Amino acid sequence: MDMRPLKQFLALADTLHFSRASELCHVSPSTLSRTIRQLEETLDAPLFVRDNRHVALTRQGQRFQQYAREALHQWELLRHALGSQAGELAGEISIYCSVTASYSFLYDLLSDVRQRHPRIELKLHTGDPAESMGRVLAGEEDMAITPRPRSMPAGLAFKSLTRSPLVFIAPMAQAEWIPATPDSPSIEQWRNVPMILSEAGLSREYADTWFRALGVPPSIYAQVAGHEAIVSMVGLGFGIGVVPRIVLDNSPLAQRVRVLPVKPELPHYDVGLCVLHRQLKSPLIQALWDEVEER
């Protein structure tokens, strides 16, 4: 069976961008457009509203998106079941993580899996870790490397990989707005400090809680998607940021910033692998899950 039309449809439904979707599917934009047109003709319904600048799912497209995800999921389950009877697992696993996680965890995580199950195909997507659990819950990814939230969503399984402290970082160069005594913070010291924080996610929650306890709202200079960009902006001297220590240690710009000994310290980041409980019924997902040693 040729499942490529469904995969191409889902790529476009997720990105809402013909060029990006065609790159993900390794086809030309014209081929992708032809596939979508053939699906619409077969279904006798418009799946997308599109013009020269925008692409959006129609109501029918949203329903078909749910069907396509479930159909591909069931197809993979069948393939895995038949493949396991033959003694070898085969199929795809999609994993979402930050850029830092991609080179901090994935090699150790996946090297043994690749040796034991060479027919498993791994699809890696990188982006803001604040989006990771949402993508798994929505069925857009099979697994994600993500920080453990304060409250774990129902239906998700989580295995811890490492713990990393959250730290305040400042540029190496001196600036008048850098607190002189960060180990004894005061409202006066921090009231006008330009802060570069994540748009959302656990690090933003902890930073907001820290400022709330101090009794002053943070003076936001920039809100950034992804911690790696925070290190860059702090290194350029735009303000003070909050990032996991693991991101700083793996950044090529680590020498351009310094850690402030802020008290009280922020909580640690518990980074791990998450997956939907129901996905563990898949022999393929279970094989990778079993390889992970919780720390």
C-alpha atoms as a PDB file:
ATOM      1  CA  MET A   1       0.000   0.000   0.000  1.00  0.00           C
ATOM      2  CA  ASP A   2       1.209   3.496  -0.824  1.00  0.00           C
ATOM      3  CA  MET A   3       0.835   5.651   2.289  1.00  0.00           C
ATOM      4  CA  ARG A   4       2.813   8.561   0.840  1.00  0.00           C
ATOM      5  CA  PRO A   5      -0.265  10.676  -0.002  1.00  0.00           C
ATOM      6  CA  LEU A   6      -1.363  10.593   3.638  1.00  0.00           C
ATOM      7  CA  LYS A   7       2.144  11.447   4.848  1.00  0.00           C
ATOM      8  CA  GLN A   8       2.387  14.329   2.378  1.00  0.00           C
ATOM      9  CA  PHE A   9      -1.033  15.612   3.414  1.00  0.00           C
ATOM     10  CA  LEU A  10      -0.029  15.517   7.110  1.00  0.00           C
ATOM     11  CA  ALA A  11       3.246  17.310   6.382  1.00  0.00           C
ATOM     12  CA  LEU A  12       1.328  20.142   4.737  1.00  0.00           C
ATOM     13  CA  ALA A  13      -1.332  20.148   7.465  1.00  0.00           C
ATOM     14  CA  ASP A  14       1.379  20.478  10.129  1.00  0.00           C
ATOM     15  CA  THR A  15       3.513  23.131   8.396  1.00  0.00           C
ATOM     16  CA  LEU A  16       0.844  24.974   6.340  1.00  0.00           C
ATOM     17  CA  HIS A  17       3.682  25.766   3.950  1.00  0.00           C
ATOM     18  CA  PHE A  18       4.128  24.027   0.588  1.00  0.00           C
ATOM     19  CA  SER A  19       7.895  24.534   0.342  1.00  0.00           C
ATOM     20  CA  ARG A  20       8.641  23.281   3.862  1.00  0.00           C
ATOM     21  CA  ALA A  21       6.258  20.350   3.516  1.00  0.00           C
ATOM     22  CA  SER A  22       7.745  19.312   0.167  1.00  0.00           C
ATOM     23  CA  GLU A  23      11.255  19.427   1.688  1.00  0.00           C
ATOM     24  CA  LEU A  24      10.146  17.210   4.574  1.00  0.00           C
ATOM     25  CA  CYS A  25       8.639  14.724   2.118  1.00  0.00           C
ATOM     26  CA  HIS A  26      11.550  14.949  -0.353  1.00  0.00           C
ATOM     27  CA  VAL A  27       9.275  15.856  -3.256  1.00  0.00           C
ATOM     28  CA  SER A  28       8.880  18.961  -5.381  1.00  0.00           C
ATOM     29  CA  PRO A  29       6.189  21.532  -4.504  1.00  0.00           C
ATOM     30  CA  SER A  30       4.420  20.697  -7.759  1.00  0.00           C
ATOM     31  CA  THR A  31       4.315  16.993  -6.822  1.00  0.00           C
ATOM     32  CA  LEU A  32       2.927  17.861  -3.393  1.00  0.00           C
ATOM     33  CA  SER A  33       0.321  20.152  -4.930  1.00  0.00           C
ATOM     34  CA  ARG A  34      -0.719  17.378  -7.335  1.00  0.00           C
ATOM     35  CA  THR A  35      -1.049  14.885  -4.448  1.00  0.00           C
ATOM     36  CA  ILE A  36      -3.285  17.260  -2.485  1.00  0.00           C
ATOM     37  CA  ARG A  37      -5.404  17.946  -5.563  1.00  0.00           C
ATOM     38  CA  GLN A  38      -5.854  14.195  -6.172  1.00  0.00           C
ATOM     39  CA  LEU A  39      -6.916  13.665  -2.548  1.00  0.00           C
ATOM     40  CA  GLU A  40      -9.443  16.492  -2.807  1.00  0.00           C
ATOM     41  CA  GLU A  41     -10.833  15.037  -6.035  1.00  0.00           C
ATOM     42  CA  THR A  42     -11.101  11.568  -4.468  1.00  0.00           C
ATOM     43  CA  LEU A  43     -12.849  12.929  -1.373  1.00  0.00           C
ATOM     44  CA  ASP A  44     -14.897  15.465  -3.373  1.00  0.00           C
ATOM     45  CA  ALA A  45     -14.090  18.049  -0.697  1.00  0.00           C
ATOM     46  CA  PRO A  46     -11.592  20.913  -0.281  1.00  0.00           C
ATOM     47  CA  LEU A  47      -8.901  20.092   2.295  1.00  0.00           C
ATOM     48  CA  PHE A  48      -7.061  23.423   2.223  1.00  0.00           C
ATOM     49  CA  VAL A  49      -7.807  27.056   1.566  1.00  0.00           C
ATOM     50  CA  ARG A  50      -4.780  28.458  -0.241  1.00  0.00           C
ATOM     51  CA  ASP A  51      -3.661  31.569  -2.064  1.00  0.00           C
ATOM     52  CA  ASN A  52      -0.273  33.011  -2.973  1.00  0.00           C
ATOM     53  CA  ARG A  53       0.594  33.774   0.673  1.00  0.00           C
ATOM     54  CA  HIS A  54      -1.434  31.590   3.023  1.00  0.00           C
ATOM     55  CA  VAL A  55      -2.423  27.952   3.485  1.00  0.00           C
ATOM     56  CA  ALA A  56      -5.097  26.879   5.986  1.00  0.00           C
ATOM     57  CA  LEU A  57      -7.017  23.690   6.718  1.00  0.00           C
ATOM     58  CA  THR A  58     -10.721  23.643   5.940  1.00  0.00           C
ATOM     59  CA  ARG A  59     -13.216  22.014   8.295  1.00  0.00           C
ATOM     60  CA  GLN A  60     -13.126  18.952   6.043  1.00  0.00           C
ATOM     61  CA  GLY A  61      -9.328  19.072   6.109  1.00  0.00           C
ATOM     62  CA  GLN A  62      -9.317  19.006   9.910  1.00  0.00           C
ATOM     63  CA  ARG A  63     -11.483  15.893   9.910  1.00  0.00           C
ATOM     64  CA  PHE A  64      -9.295  14.241   7.302  1.00  0.00           C
ATOM     65  CA  GLN A  65      -6.201  15.148   9.373  1.00  0.00           C
ATOM     66  CA  GLN A  66      -7.577  13.086  12.268  1.00  0.00           C
ATOM     67  CA  TYR A  67      -8.337  10.205   9.927  1.00  0.00           C
ATOM     68  CA  ALA A  68      -4.890  10.336   8.287  1.00  0.00           C
ATOM     69  CA  ARG A  69      -3.057  10.233  11.618  1.00  0.00           C
ATOM     70  CA  GLU A  70      -5.103   7.319  12.874  1.00  0.00           C
ATOM     71  CA  ALA A  71      -4.789   5.453   9.570  1.00  0.00           C
ATOM     72  CA  LEU A  72      -1.005   5.810   9.570  1.00  0.00           C
ATOM     73  CA  HIS A  73      -0.856   4.781  13.221  1.00  0.00           C
ATOM     74  CA  GLN A  74      -2.900   1.631  12.534  1.00  0.00           C
ATOM     75  CA  TRP A  75      -0.818   0.877   9.442  1.00  0.00           C
ATOM     76  CA  GLU A  76       2.393   1.093  11.463  1.00  0.00           C
ATOM     77  CA  LEU A  77       0.916  -1.156  14.157  1.00  0.00           C
ATOM     78  CA  LEU A  78       0.067  -3.738  11.522  1.00  0.00           C
ATOM     79  CA  ARG A  79       3.509  -3.504   9.943  1.00  0.00           C
ATOM     80  CA  HIS A  80       5.165  -3.893  13.319  1.00  0.00           C
ATOM     81  CA  ALA A  81       2.966  -6.847  14.265  1.00  0.00           C
ATOM     82  CA  LEU A  82       3.708  -8.657  11.006  1.00  0.00           C
ATOM     83  CA  GLY A  83       7.372  -7.709  11.165  1.00  0.00           C
ATOM     84  CA  SER A  84       7.714  -8.955  14.733  1.00  0.00           C
ATOM     85  CA  GLN A  85       6.326 -12.313  13.605  1.00  0.00           C
ATOM     86  CA  ALA A  86       9.173 -12.418  11.117  1.00  0.00           C
ATOM     87  CA  GLY A  87      11.602 -11.663  13.964  1.00  0.00           C
ATOM     88  CA  GLU A  88      12.570  -8.112  12.944  1.00  0.00           C
ATOM     89  CA  LEU A  89      11.020  -4.717  13.738  1.00  0.00           C
ATOM     90  CA  ALA A  90      10.641  -2.201  10.922  1.00  0.00           C
ATOM     91  CA  GLY A  91       8.968   1.178  10.573  1.00  0.00           C
ATOM     92  CA  GLU A  92       9.227   4.854  11.535  1.00  0.00           C
ATOM     93  CA  ILE A  93       9.511   6.650  14.867  1.00  0.00           C
ATOM     94  CA  SER A  94       9.304  10.436  14.986  1.00  0.00           C
ATOM     95  CA  ILE A  95      11.134  12.223  17.814  1.00  0.00           C
ATOM     96  CA  TYR A  96      10.877  15.914  18.715  1.00  0.00           C
ATOM     97  CA  CYS A  97      13.500  17.741  20.783  1.00  0.00           C
ATOM     98  CA  SER A  98      15.500  20.940  21.109  1.00  0.00           C
ATOM     99  CA  VAL A  99      18.717  21.473  19.169  1.00  0.00           C
ATOM    100  CA  THR A 100      20.703  21.010  22.383  1.00  0.00           C
ATOM    101  CA  ALA A 101      18.952  17.719  23.168  1.00  0.00           C
ATOM    102  CA  SER A 102      19.640  16.458  19.651  1.00  0.00           C
ATOM    103  CA  TYR A 103      23.379  16.320  20.313  1.00  0.00           C
ATOM    104  CA  SER A 104      23.292  15.912  24.101  1.00  0.00           C
ATOM    105  CA  PHE A 105      21.101  12.788  24.322  1.00  0.00           C
ATOM    106  CA  LEU A 106      20.225  11.305  20.959  1.00  0.00           C
ATOM    107  CA  TYR A 107      23.516   9.581  20.164  1.00  0.00           C
ATOM    108  CA  ASP A 108      23.585   7.593  23.416  1.00  0.00           C
ATOM    109  CA  LEU A 109      19.831   7.095  23.266  1.00  0.00           C
ATOM    110  CA  LEU A 110      19.643   5.760  19.739  1.00  0.00           C
ATOM    111  CA  SER A 111      22.988   4.099  19.016  1.00  0.00           C
ATOM    112  CA  ASP A 112      22.037   0.773  20.627  1.00  0.00           C
ATOM    113  CA  VAL A 113      18.591   0.903  19.023  1.00  0.00           C
ATOM    114  CA  ARG A 114      20.118   1.316  15.575  1.00  0.00           C
ATOM    115  CA  GLN A 115      22.386  -1.677  16.095  1.00  0.00           C
ATOM    116  CA  ARG A 116      19.650  -3.955  17.393  1.00  0.00           C
ATOM    117  CA  HIS A 117      16.890  -2.775  15.037  1.00  0.00           C
ATOM    118  CA  PRO A 118      18.513  -1.548  11.805  1.00  0.00           C
ATOM    119  CA  ARG A 119      15.175  -1.370   9.968  1.00  0.00           C
ATOM    120  CA  ILE A 120      13.747   1.228  12.340  1.00  0.00           C
ATOM    121  CA  GLU A 121      13.672   4.631  10.612  1.00  0.00           C
ATOM    122  CA  LEU A 122      14.043   7.649  12.874  1.00  0.00           C
ATOM    123  CA  LYS A 123      12.565  11.035  11.948  1.00  0.00           C
ATOM    124  CA  LEU A 124      13.968  13.897  14.011  1.00  0.00           C
ATOM    125  CA  HIS A 125      12.258  17.275  14.351  1.00  0.00           C
ATOM    126  CA  THR A 126      13.823  20.083  16.388  1.00  0.00           C
ATOM    127  CA  GLY A 127      12.274  23.181  17.910  1.00  0.00           C
ATOM    128  CA  ASP A 128      11.178  24.916  21.083  1.00  0.00           C
ATOM    129  CA  PRO A 129      10.981  22.409  23.991  1.00  0.00           C
ATOM    130  CA  ALA A 130       7.895  24.267  25.248  1.00  0.00           C
ATOM    131  CA  GLU A 131       5.992  22.711  22.320  1.00  0.00           C
ATOM    132  CA  SER A 132       7.207  19.140  22.795  1.00  0.00           C
ATOM    133  CA  MET A 133       4.487  17.654  24.994  1.00  0.00           C
ATOM    134  CA  GLY A 134       1.759  19.362  23.012  1.00  0.00           C
ATOM    135  CA  ARG A 135       3.056  17.771  19.828  1.00  0.00           C
ATOM    136  CA  VAL A 136       3.078  14.308  21.428  1.00  0.00           C
ATOM    137  CA  LEU A 137      -0.414  14.775  22.884  1.00  0.00           C
ATOM    138  CA  ALA A 138      -1.698  15.940  19.478  1.00  0.00           C
ATOM    139  CA  GLY A 139      -0.242  12.885  17.766  1.00  0.00           C
ATOM    140  CA  GLU A 140       2.184  14.949  15.699  1.00  0.00           C
ATOM    141  CA  GLU A 141       5.196  13.090  17.177  1.00  0.00           C
ATOM    142  CA  ASP A 142       5.666   9.612  18.596  1.00  0.00           C
ATOM    143  CA  MET A 143       8.118  10.729  21.286  1.00  0.00           C
ATOM    144  CA  ALA A 144       9.766  13.880  22.596  1.00  0.00           C
ATOM    145  CA  ILE A 145      12.733  14.799  24.763  1.00  0.00           C
ATOM    146  CA  THR A 146      11.264  17.384  27.093  1.00  0.00           C
ATOM    147  CA  PRO A 147      11.445  18.882  30.579  1.00  0.00           C
ATOM    148  CA  ARG A 148       9.103  17.263  33.065  1.00  0.00           C
ATOM    149  CA  PRO A 149       6.264  19.732  33.781  1.00  0.00           C
ATOM    150  CA  ARG A 150       5.076  20.562  37.262  1.00  0.00           C
ATOM    151  CA  SER A 151       1.926  18.545  36.538  1.00  0.00           C
ATOM    152  CA  MET A 152       2.198  15.631  34.106  1.00  0.00           C
ATOM    153  CA  PRO A 153      -0.664  15.528  31.561  1.00  0.00           C
ATOM    154  CA  ALA A 154      -2.897  12.465  31.760  1.00  0.00           C
ATOM    155  CA  GLY A 155      -2.036   9.768  29.271  1.00  0.00           C
ATOM    156  CA  LEU A 156       1.702  10.527  29.093  1.00  0.00           C
ATOM    157  CA  ALA A 157       4.549   8.274  30.225  1.00  0.00           C
ATOM    158  CA  PHE A 158       7.867   9.913  31.174  1.00  0.00           C
ATOM    159  CA  LYS A 159      11.400   8.583  31.739  1.00  0.00           C
ATOM    160  CA  SER A 160      14.023  10.895  33.187  1.00  0.00           C
ATOM    161  CA  LEU A 161      17.339  11.190  31.329  1.00  0.00           C
ATOM    162  CA  THR A 162      19.141  13.871  33.332  1.00  0.00           C
ATOM    163  CA  ARG A 163      18.681  16.840  35.673  1.00  0.00           C
ATOM    164  CA  SER A 164      20.041  20.282  34.884  1.00  0.00           C
ATOM    165  CA  PRO A 165      19.941  23.455  36.997  1.00  0.00           C
ATOM    166  CA  LEU A 166      18.358  26.597  35.595  1.00  0.00           C
ATOM    167  CA  VAL A 167      20.781  29.515  35.741  1.00  0.00           C
ATOM    168  CA  PHE A 168      20.783  33.266  35.248  1.00  0.00           C
ATOM    169  CA  ILE A 169      23.341  34.325  32.634  1.00  0.00           C
ATOM    170  CA  ALA A 170      24.784  37.779  31.911  1.00  0.00           C
ATOM    171  CA  PRO A 171      27.169  39.115  29.240  1.00  0.00           C
ATOM    172  CA  MET A 172      30.881  39.024  30.024  1.00  0.00           C
ATOM    173  CA  ALA A 173      31.121  42.787  29.562  1.00  0.00           C
ATOM    174  CA  GLN A 174      30.119  44.950  32.501  1.00  0.00           C
ATOM    175  CA  ALA A 175      26.877  46.936  32.302  1.00  0.00           C
ATOM    176  CA  GLU A 176      25.253  49.247  34.800  1.00  0.00           C
ATOM    177  CA  TRP A 177      22.038  47.209  34.837  1.00  0.00           C
ATOM    178  CA  ILE A 178      23.760  43.957  35.924  1.00  0.00           C
ATOM    179  CA  PRO A 179      22.967  43.479  39.654  1.00  0.00           C
ATOM    180  CA  ALA A 180      26.052  44.083  41.786  1.00  0.00           C
ATOM    181  CA  THR A 181      25.032  41.566  44.457  1.00  0.00           C
ATOM    182  CA  PRO A 182      22.921  38.867  42.764  1.00  0.00           C
ATOM    183  CA  ASP A 183      23.289  36.604  45.816  1.00  0.00           C
ATOM    184  CA  SER A 184      21.195  39.097  47.817  1.00  0.00           C
ATOM    185  CA  PRO A 185      18.613  40.375  45.298  1.00  0.00           C
ATOM    186  CA  SER A 186      16.445  43.411  45.878  1.00  0.00           C
ATOM    187  CA  ILE A 187      13.597  45.099  44.025  1.00  0.00           C
ATOM    188  CA  GLU A 188      15.818  48.110  43.282  1.00  0.00           C
ATOM    189  CA  GLN A 189      18.522  45.938  41.702  1.00  0.00           C
ATOM    190  CA  TRP A 190      16.203  43.979  39.430  1.00  0.00           C
ATOM    191  CA  ARG A 191      13.465  46.475  38.612  1.00  0.00           C
ATOM    192  CA  ASN A 192      15.060  47.734  35.369  1.00  0.00           C
ATOM    193  CA  VAL A 193      17.201  44.747  34.386  1.00  0.00           C
ATOM    194  CA  PRO A 194      16.456  43.869  30.727  1.00  0.00           C
ATOM    195  CA  MET A 195      15.392  40.197  30.759  1.00  0.00           C
ATOM    196  CA  ILE A 196      15.513  37.762  27.842  1.00  0.00           C
ATOM    197  CA  LEU A 197      13.177  34.888  28.620  1.00  0.00           C
ATOM    198  CA  SER A 198      11.477  31.989  26.877  1.00  0.00           C
ATOM    199  CA  GLU A 199       8.060  32.730  25.423  1.00  0.00           C
ATOM    200  CA  ALA A 200       6.598  29.784  27.325  1.00  0.00           C
ATOM    201  CA  GLY A 201       7.536  26.585  29.042  1.00  0.00           C
ATOM    202  CA  LEU A 202       8.962  25.503  32.360  1.00  0.00           C
ATOM    203  CA  SER A 203      11.932  27.894  32.447  1.00  0.00           C
ATOM    204  CA  ARG A 204       9.570  30.832  31.909  1.00  0.00           C
ATOM    205  CA  GLU A 205       7.267  29.583  34.677  1.00  0.00           C
ATOM    206  CA  TYR A 206      10.169  29.300  37.125  1.00  0.00           C
ATOM    207  CA  ALA A 207      11.571  32.713  36.160  1.00  0.00           C
ATOM    208  CA  ASP A 208       8.167  34.363  36.604  1.00  0.00           C
ATOM    209  CA  THR A 209       7.784  32.670  39.998  1.00  0.00           C
ATOM    210  CA  TRP A 210      11.228  33.929  41.072  1.00  0.00           C
ATOM    211  CA  PHE A 211      10.397  37.525  40.171  1.00  0.00           C
ATOM    212  CA  ARG A 212       6.970  37.239  41.788  1.00  0.00           C
ATOM    213  CA  ALA A 213       8.604  36.110  45.043  1.00  0.00           C
ATOM    214  CA  LEU A 214      10.984  39.084  44.819  1.00  0.00           C
ATOM    215  CA  GLY A 215       7.989  41.388  44.458  1.00  0.00           C
ATOM    216  CA  VAL A 216       8.763  42.931  41.077  1.00  0.00           C
ATOM    217  CA  PRO A 217       7.672  41.980  37.521  1.00  0.00           C
ATOM    218  CA  PRO A 218      10.518  41.201  35.100  1.00  0.00           C
ATOM    219  CA  SER A 219      11.421  43.975  32.674  1.00  0.00           C
ATOM    220  CA  ILE A 220      11.122  42.005  29.436  1.00  0.00           C
ATOM    221  CA  TYR A 221      13.545  42.983  26.679  1.00  0.00           C
ATOM    222  CA  ALA A 222      12.754  39.972  24.481  1.00  0.00           C
ATOM    223  CA  GLN A 223      10.745  36.744  24.568  1.00  0.00           C
ATOM    224  CA  VAL A 224      12.433  33.984  22.618  1.00  0.00           C
ATOM    225  CA  ALA A 225      11.402  30.557  21.318  1.00  0.00           C
ATOM    226  CA  GLY A 226      14.222  28.224  22.323  1.00  0.00           C
ATOM    227  CA  HIS A 227      16.988  28.575  24.900  1.00  0.00           C
ATOM    228  CA  GLU A 228      19.844  28.550  22.387  1.00  0.00           C
ATOM    229  CA  ALA A 229      18.816  31.978  21.083  1.00  0.00           C
ATOM    230  CA  ILE A 230      18.759  33.355  24.641  1.00  0.00           C
ATOM    231  CA  VAL A 231      22.474  32.558  25.019  1.00  0.00           C
ATOM    232  CA  SER A 232      23.169  34.407  21.763  1.00  0.00           C
ATOM    233  CA  MET A 233      21.237  37.523  22.757  1.00  0.00           C
ATOM    234  CA  VAL A 234      22.803  37.647  26.217  1.00  0.00           C
ATOM    235  CA  GLY A 235      26.259  37.234  24.678  1.00  0.00           C
ATOM    236  CA  LEU A 236      25.549  40.262  22.493  1.00  0.00           C
ATOM    237  CA  GLY A 237      24.831  42.320  25.610  1.00  0.00           C
ATOM    238  CA  PHE A 238      21.072  42.760  25.273  1.00  0.00           C
ATOM    239  CA  GLY A 239      20.201  41.617  28.786  1.00  0.00           C
ATOM    240  CA  ILE A 240      20.145  38.809  31.339  1.00  0.00           C
ATOM    241  CA  GLY A 241      18.640  35.420  30.502  1.00  0.00           C
ATOM    242  CA  VAL A 242      17.492  32.218  32.163  1.00  0.00           C
ATOM    243  CA  VAL A 243      18.543  28.913  30.561  1.00  0.00           C
ATOM    244  CA  PRO A 244      19.164  25.297  31.596  1.00  0.00           C
ATOM    245  CA  ARG A 245      22.834  24.738  32.418  1.00  0.00           C
ATOM    246  CA  ILE A 246      22.980  21.923  29.854  1.00  0.00           C
ATOM    247  CA  VAL A 247      22.121  24.415  27.090  1.00  0.00           C
ATOM    248  CA  LEU A 248      24.882  26.773  28.230  1.00  0.00           C
ATOM    249  CA  ASP A 249      27.476  23.993  28.503  1.00  0.00           C
ATOM    250  CA  ASN A 250      26.778  22.884  24.925  1.00  0.00           C
ATOM    251  CA  SER A 251      26.573  26.371  23.404  1.00  0.00           C
ATOM    252  CA  PRO A 252      29.371  27.596  21.087  1.00  0.00           C
ATOM    253  CA  LEU A 253      28.847  31.009  22.723  1.00  0.00           C
ATOM    254  CA  ALA A 254      29.364  29.800  26.293  1.00  0.00           C
ATOM    255  CA  GLN A 255      32.594  31.838  26.629  1.00  0.00           C
ATOM    256  CA  ARG A 256      30.717  35.064  25.913  1.00  0.00           C
ATOM    257  CA  VAL A 257      28.436  34.854  28.929  1.00  0.00           C
ATOM    258  CA  ARG A 258      28.810  34.221  32.656  1.00  0.00           C
ATOM    259  CA  VAL A 259      26.591  32.607  35.256  1.00  0.00           C
ATOM    260  CA  LEU A 260      25.298  34.942  37.946  1.00  0.00           C
ATOM    261  CA  PRO A 261      25.292  33.442  41.469  1.00  0.00           C
ATOM    262  CA  VAL A 262      21.665  34.407  42.015  1.00  0.00           C
ATOM    263  CA  LYS A 263      19.934  33.504  45.267  1.00  0.00           C
ATOM    264  CA  PRO A 264      17.550  31.884  45.782  1.00  0.00           C
ATOM    265  CA  GLU A 265      18.487  29.407  43.057  1.00  0.00           C
ATOM    266  CA  LEU A 266      15.944  28.315  40.492  1.00  0.00           C
ATOM    267  CA  PRO A 267      14.668  24.706  40.555  1.00  0.00           C
ATOM    268  CA  HIS A 268      16.367  22.030  38.503  1.00  0.00           C
ATOM    269  CA  TYR A 269      15.204  20.989  35.052  1.00  0.00           C
ATOM    270  CA  ASP A 270      14.269  17.291  34.846  1.00  0.00           C
ATOM    271  CA  VAL A 271      14.779  16.320  31.197  1.00  0.00           C
ATOM    272  CA  GLY A 272      13.425  13.060  29.864  1.00  0.00           C
ATOM    273  CA  LEU A 273      11.638  11.102  27.167  1.00  0.00           C
ATOM    274  CA  CYS A 274       7.844  11.206  26.953  1.00  0.00           C
ATOM    275  CA  VAL A 275       5.345   9.159  24.983  1.00  0.00           C
ATOM    276  CA  LEU A 276       1.605   8.481  25.027  1.00  0.00           C
ATOM    277  CA  HIS A 277       0.751   5.421  27.101  1.00  0.00           C
ATOM    278  CA  ARG A 278      -1.341   4.014  24.249  1.00  0.00           C
ATOM    279  CA  GLN A 279       1.644   4.312  21.905  1.00  0.00           C
ATOM    280  CA  LEU A 280       3.513   1.791  24.047  1.00  0.00           C
ATOM    281  CA  LYS A 281       1.224  -0.861  22.554  1.00  0.00           C
ATOM    282  CA  SER A 282       3.308  -0.516  19.408  1.00  0.00           C
ATOM    283  CA  PRO A 283       6.207  -3.023  19.455  1.00  0.00           C
ATOM    284  CA  LEU A 284       8.338  -0.416  17.683  1.00  0.00           C
ATOM    285  CA  ILE A 285       7.756   2.310  20.282  1.00  0.00           C
ATOM    286  CA  GLN A 286       8.078  -0.185  23.112  1.00  0.00           C
ATOM    287  CA  ALA A 287      11.455  -1.364  21.762  1.00  0.00           C
ATOM    288  CA  LEU A 288      12.888   2.166  21.938  1.00  0.00           C
ATOM    289  CA  TRP A 289      11.226   2.866  25.296  1.00  0.00           C
ATOM    290  CA  ASP A 290      12.775  -0.274  26.783  1.00  0.00           C
ATOM    291  CA  GLU A 291      16.239   0.837  25.686  1.00  0.00           C
ATOM    292  CA  VAL A 292      16.039   3.989  27.807  1.00  0.00           C
ATOM    293  CA  GLU A 293      17.492   3.678  31.294  1.00  0.00           C
ATOM    294  CA  GLU A 294      15.763   6.036  33.667  1.00  0.00           C
ATOM    295  CA  ARG A 295      18.146   8.134  35.755  1.00  0.00           C
END
